[in-house]
Protein backbone atom coordinates (compact mmCIF):
# COMPACT_ATOMS: atom_id res chain seq x y z
CA UNK A 1 3.41 -25.61 6.70
CA UNK A 2 1.77 -27.89 4.12
CA UNK A 3 0.42 -31.22 5.26
CA UNK A 4 -0.67 -33.31 2.29
CA UNK A 5 -2.62 -36.48 3.11
CA UNK A 6 -1.65 -39.20 0.63
CA UNK A 7 -4.49 -41.52 -0.27
CA UNK A 8 -7.93 -41.90 1.28
CA UNK A 9 -7.61 -42.88 4.90
CA UNK A 10 -3.83 -42.61 4.81
CA UNK A 11 -2.10 -42.26 8.14
CA UNK A 12 1.10 -40.60 6.90
CA UNK A 13 1.54 -36.93 6.16
CA UNK A 14 3.81 -35.35 3.62
CA UNK A 15 5.08 -32.22 5.37
CA UNK A 16 6.32 -29.33 3.24
CA UNK A 17 6.63 -25.58 3.75
CA UNK A 18 4.26 -23.10 2.20
CA UNK A 19 0.61 -23.54 3.22
CA UNK A 20 -1.77 -26.29 4.34
CA UNK A 21 -3.26 -28.99 2.15
CA UNK A 22 -5.55 -31.76 3.30
CA UNK A 23 -9.12 -32.95 3.22
CA UNK A 24 -11.26 -29.82 3.52
CA UNK A 25 -8.22 -27.62 4.16
CA UNK A 26 -7.29 -24.41 2.39
CA UNK A 27 -3.91 -23.81 0.81
CA UNK A 28 -2.36 -20.56 2.05
CA UNK A 29 -0.78 -18.94 -1.00
CA UNK A 30 -0.28 -15.35 0.15
CA UNK A 31 2.27 -14.08 2.66
CA UNK A 32 3.32 -10.72 4.05
CA UNK A 33 6.39 -9.81 6.06
CA UNK A 34 6.98 -6.98 8.50
CA UNK A 35 3.25 -7.08 9.15
CA UNK A 36 3.36 -5.71 12.71
CA UNK A 37 -0.15 -5.83 14.16
CA UNK A 38 -1.89 -5.95 10.75
CA UNK A 39 -2.85 -9.47 9.73
CA UNK A 40 -4.64 -10.91 6.73
CA UNK A 41 -7.24 -13.56 7.55
CA UNK A 42 -6.21 -15.86 4.72
CA UNK A 43 -2.55 -14.86 4.71
CA UNK A 44 0.61 -16.15 6.35
CA UNK A 45 1.72 -13.17 8.43
CA UNK A 46 5.40 -12.75 9.34
CA UNK A 47 7.33 -10.26 11.44
CA UNK A 48 10.97 -10.30 12.53
CA UNK A 49 10.63 -8.17 15.66
CA UNK A 50 12.61 -9.54 18.63
CA UNK A 51 9.63 -8.50 20.74
CA UNK A 52 7.52 -11.08 18.92
CA UNK A 53 9.93 -13.89 19.78
CA UNK A 54 9.98 -12.90 23.44
CA UNK A 55 6.20 -12.58 23.57
CA UNK A 56 5.92 -16.26 22.65
CA UNK A 57 7.83 -17.28 25.79
CA UNK A 58 5.72 -18.64 28.65
CA UNK A 59 4.96 -16.42 31.63
CA UNK A 60 7.25 -13.46 30.87
CA UNK A 61 5.95 -13.16 27.33
CA UNK A 62 2.75 -11.48 28.43
CA UNK A 63 4.69 -8.49 29.83
CA UNK A 64 7.19 -7.95 27.00
CA UNK A 65 5.02 -5.78 24.77
CA UNK A 66 4.54 -3.22 27.54
CA UNK A 67 8.27 -3.14 28.25
CA UNK A 68 8.96 -2.59 24.55
CA UNK A 69 6.53 0.34 24.47
CA UNK A 70 4.09 -1.25 22.02
CA UNK A 71 0.43 -0.35 22.13
CA UNK A 72 -0.58 -4.04 22.15
CA UNK A 73 0.91 -7.52 21.88
CA UNK A 74 1.33 -9.16 18.49
CA UNK A 75 -1.80 -10.99 17.30
CA UNK A 76 -1.57 -14.79 17.60
CA UNK A 77 -1.72 -15.11 13.80
CA UNK A 78 1.69 -13.47 13.43
CA UNK A 79 4.64 -15.84 13.01
CA UNK A 80 8.30 -15.00 13.38
CA UNK A 81 10.06 -14.81 10.03
CA UNK A 82 13.08 -12.90 8.73
CA UNK A 83 12.83 -12.10 5.02
CA UNK A 84 16.55 -11.30 4.85
CA UNK A 85 17.47 -14.81 5.98
CA UNK A 86 14.55 -16.34 4.07
CA UNK A 87 11.02 -17.16 5.15
CA UNK A 88 9.89 -20.74 5.89
CA UNK A 89 8.06 -20.95 2.57
CA UNK A 90 8.71 -23.28 -0.32
CA UNK A 91 10.11 -21.83 -3.57
CA UNK A 92 7.43 -20.91 -6.12
CA UNK A 93 4.66 -21.48 -3.54
CA UNK A 94 3.07 -18.03 -3.13
CA UNK A 95 0.62 -16.30 -5.46
CA UNK A 96 1.03 -12.98 -3.66
CA UNK A 97 3.60 -11.29 -1.42
CA UNK A 98 3.14 -8.00 0.44
CA UNK A 99 5.48 -5.68 2.36
CA UNK A 100 4.13 -2.42 3.78
CA UNK A 101 6.56 0.09 5.28
CA UNK A 102 9.22 -2.45 6.16
CA UNK A 103 11.85 -2.36 3.39
CA UNK A 104 13.03 1.14 4.38
CA UNK A 105 14.05 -0.29 7.75
CA UNK A 106 16.59 -2.59 6.09
CA UNK A 107 20.16 -1.83 5.14
CA UNK A 108 20.98 -1.73 1.44
CA UNK A 109 22.42 -5.26 1.40
CA UNK A 110 19.58 -6.66 3.52
CA UNK A 111 17.11 -5.06 1.11
CA UNK A 112 18.78 -6.86 -1.78
CA UNK A 113 18.50 -10.18 0.07
CA UNK A 114 14.87 -9.48 0.95
CA UNK A 115 13.90 -8.80 -2.67
CA UNK A 116 15.72 -11.94 -3.85
CA UNK A 117 13.97 -14.06 -1.21
CA UNK A 118 10.60 -12.54 -2.11
CA UNK A 119 11.14 -13.41 -5.76
CA UNK A 120 12.20 -16.94 -4.81
CA UNK A 121 8.98 -17.89 -3.00
CA UNK A 122 6.61 -16.30 -5.53
CA UNK A 123 4.99 -18.52 -8.11
CA UNK A 124 5.53 -17.69 -11.77
CA UNK A 125 2.86 -15.10 -12.50
CA UNK A 126 2.64 -14.12 -8.84
CA UNK A 127 2.42 -10.49 -7.68
CA UNK A 128 4.58 -8.63 -5.18
CA UNK A 129 3.19 -5.37 -3.80
CA UNK A 130 5.20 -3.06 -1.58
CA UNK A 131 4.89 0.35 0.04
CA UNK A 132 7.79 2.49 1.26
CA UNK A 133 8.11 6.21 2.04
CA UNK A 134 8.88 8.05 -1.19
CA UNK A 135 12.20 9.87 -0.90
CA UNK A 136 11.68 12.10 -3.95
CA UNK A 137 8.96 14.48 -2.68
CA UNK A 138 10.75 14.77 0.66
CA UNK A 139 14.03 15.61 -1.07
CA UNK A 140 12.32 18.13 -3.35
CA UNK A 141 10.68 19.79 -0.36
CA UNK A 142 14.07 20.01 1.36
CA UNK A 143 15.74 21.60 -1.67
CA UNK A 144 12.83 24.00 -2.09
CA UNK A 145 13.21 25.00 1.54
CA UNK A 146 16.92 25.66 1.03
CA UNK A 147 16.17 27.81 -2.02
CA UNK A 148 13.80 29.86 0.14
CA UNK A 149 16.39 30.30 2.87
CA UNK A 150 14.49 28.11 5.32
CA UNK A 151 16.88 27.34 8.17
CA UNK A 152 14.66 24.54 9.45
CA UNK A 153 14.60 22.63 6.14
CA UNK A 154 17.40 20.29 7.20
CA UNK A 155 15.75 19.32 10.49
CA UNK A 156 12.39 18.87 8.81
CA UNK A 157 13.96 16.58 6.22
CA UNK A 158 15.80 14.47 8.78
CA UNK A 159 12.73 14.12 11.00
CA UNK A 160 10.45 13.46 8.02
CA UNK A 161 12.66 10.69 6.70
CA UNK A 162 13.58 9.18 10.10
CA UNK A 163 17.17 9.04 8.91
CA UNK A 164 18.73 10.81 11.87
CA UNK A 165 18.92 10.25 15.61
CA UNK A 166 17.71 13.37 17.34
CA UNK A 167 18.55 12.21 20.84
CA UNK A 168 20.09 9.08 22.31
CA UNK A 169 18.01 7.34 24.99
CA UNK A 170 19.34 8.11 28.46
CA UNK A 171 17.30 5.85 30.73
CA UNK A 172 17.50 2.05 30.90
CA UNK A 173 13.89 1.78 29.73
CA UNK A 174 14.62 4.08 26.81
CA UNK A 175 17.61 1.95 25.83
CA UNK A 176 15.54 -1.22 26.00
CA UNK A 177 12.80 0.25 23.86
CA UNK A 178 15.35 1.54 21.38
CA UNK A 179 16.90 -1.92 21.10
CA UNK A 180 13.52 -3.51 20.47
CA UNK A 181 12.10 -0.73 18.32
CA UNK A 182 13.72 -0.81 14.89
CA UNK A 183 11.87 2.38 13.93
CA UNK A 184 14.77 4.11 12.16
CA UNK A 185 14.93 4.19 8.38
CA UNK A 186 18.23 2.75 7.14
CA UNK A 187 17.85 3.22 3.38
CA UNK A 188 15.28 5.34 1.54
CA UNK A 189 13.95 4.75 -1.96
CA UNK A 190 12.58 6.71 -4.89
CA UNK A 191 10.73 5.30 -7.89
CA UNK A 192 13.72 5.10 -10.24
CA UNK A 193 15.91 3.22 -7.76
CA UNK A 194 13.14 0.86 -6.66
CA UNK A 195 12.13 0.01 -10.23
CA UNK A 196 15.77 -0.64 -11.14
CA UNK A 197 16.37 -3.00 -8.21
CA UNK A 198 13.17 -4.94 -8.82
CA UNK A 199 14.07 -5.37 -12.49
CA UNK A 200 17.57 -6.59 -11.63
CA UNK A 201 15.99 -9.15 -9.27
CA UNK A 202 13.95 -10.51 -12.20
CA UNK A 203 10.57 -8.84 -11.74
CA UNK A 204 8.56 -7.60 -14.73
CA UNK A 205 5.51 -5.36 -15.27
CA UNK A 206 6.81 -3.03 -12.57
CA UNK A 207 4.49 -0.07 -11.97
CA UNK A 208 3.28 2.33 -9.33
CA UNK A 209 0.08 1.01 -7.83
CA UNK A 210 -2.83 2.29 -5.82
CA UNK A 211 -5.06 0.88 -3.12
CA UNK A 212 -7.28 -1.86 -4.53
CA UNK A 213 -5.97 -1.89 -8.10
CA UNK A 214 -4.66 -5.46 -8.00
CA UNK A 215 -6.45 -8.13 -10.03
CA UNK A 216 -5.92 -10.41 -7.03
CA UNK A 217 -8.70 -9.71 -4.49
CA UNK A 218 -6.67 -11.23 -1.64
CA UNK A 219 -4.64 -8.01 -1.29
CA UNK A 220 -7.75 -6.27 0.04
CA UNK A 221 -7.20 -8.16 3.30
CA UNK A 222 -3.84 -6.52 3.99
CA UNK A 223 -3.83 -3.13 2.26
CA UNK A 224 -4.84 -0.05 4.25
CA UNK A 225 -5.53 3.36 2.76
CA UNK A 226 -3.47 5.18 5.39
CA UNK A 227 -0.33 3.30 4.30
CA UNK A 228 -0.53 4.68 0.77
CA UNK A 229 -0.50 8.35 1.84
CA UNK A 230 2.22 10.11 3.82
CA UNK A 231 1.40 12.20 6.88
CA UNK A 232 2.28 15.30 4.87
CA UNK A 233 -0.14 14.40 2.09
CA UNK A 234 1.88 13.17 -0.95
CA UNK A 235 1.39 9.55 -2.04
CA UNK A 236 3.97 7.09 -0.78
CA UNK A 237 5.90 4.85 -3.14
CA UNK A 238 3.55 1.92 -3.72
CA UNK A 239 4.74 -0.57 -6.33
CA UNK A 240 3.41 -3.69 -7.99
CA UNK A 241 5.79 -6.15 -9.64
CA UNK A 242 5.21 -9.56 -11.20
CA UNK A 243 7.29 -12.70 -11.38
CA UNK A 244 7.44 -13.77 -15.03
CA UNK A 245 5.08 -16.60 -15.95
CA UNK A 246 7.96 -18.38 -17.62
CA UNK A 247 11.14 -18.37 -15.54
């Protein structure tokens, strides 16, 4: 939220969404969504987990993270925000937006809404950086396994992409954790499809990116090396895209 103090010694505040402005205050102009437990010190950090909302409740909130099977509660810096519905940020207010391993958990239509809402809040000239699992090397590995007669190739592909459900939870605790988890991948992406969708949304200068190659040093607060590399070794699909300076 932006609080702009009008005039020296003024008693009224102009409240807007986006960051914080005031005497001696710092304007927050970078936001990430689906942040989980990873927060940027000078960022607005959003997550849409239902666990987060319940954790903010008095008394019972302190026990929710254990019930959900999380390794820790959400940090206090994390705010609830759903990118599909739109974040509480003013249009054209953010210099940088970041989404690491979250977009693959959205349905195709929700992804489209998320990209449109990301574009909306970015300033002209602002940068959006994202990381998702890269479908292409996983698909190529699957096809190569088939060509070699590997009977486990299908299972390896489904487990590696988190596209299937290997077993339904049977216990009440398992069902609760499944409802709160959101770990399944709903739609996977390769470079060609991701570039195409970003371009349709209005982004320009779309490219594959690497850790630390942004001209904006603020991204160093939220990027982690482990997120750029898959568990099997190949690089994940990390992309940088810019909002045109003239829109």
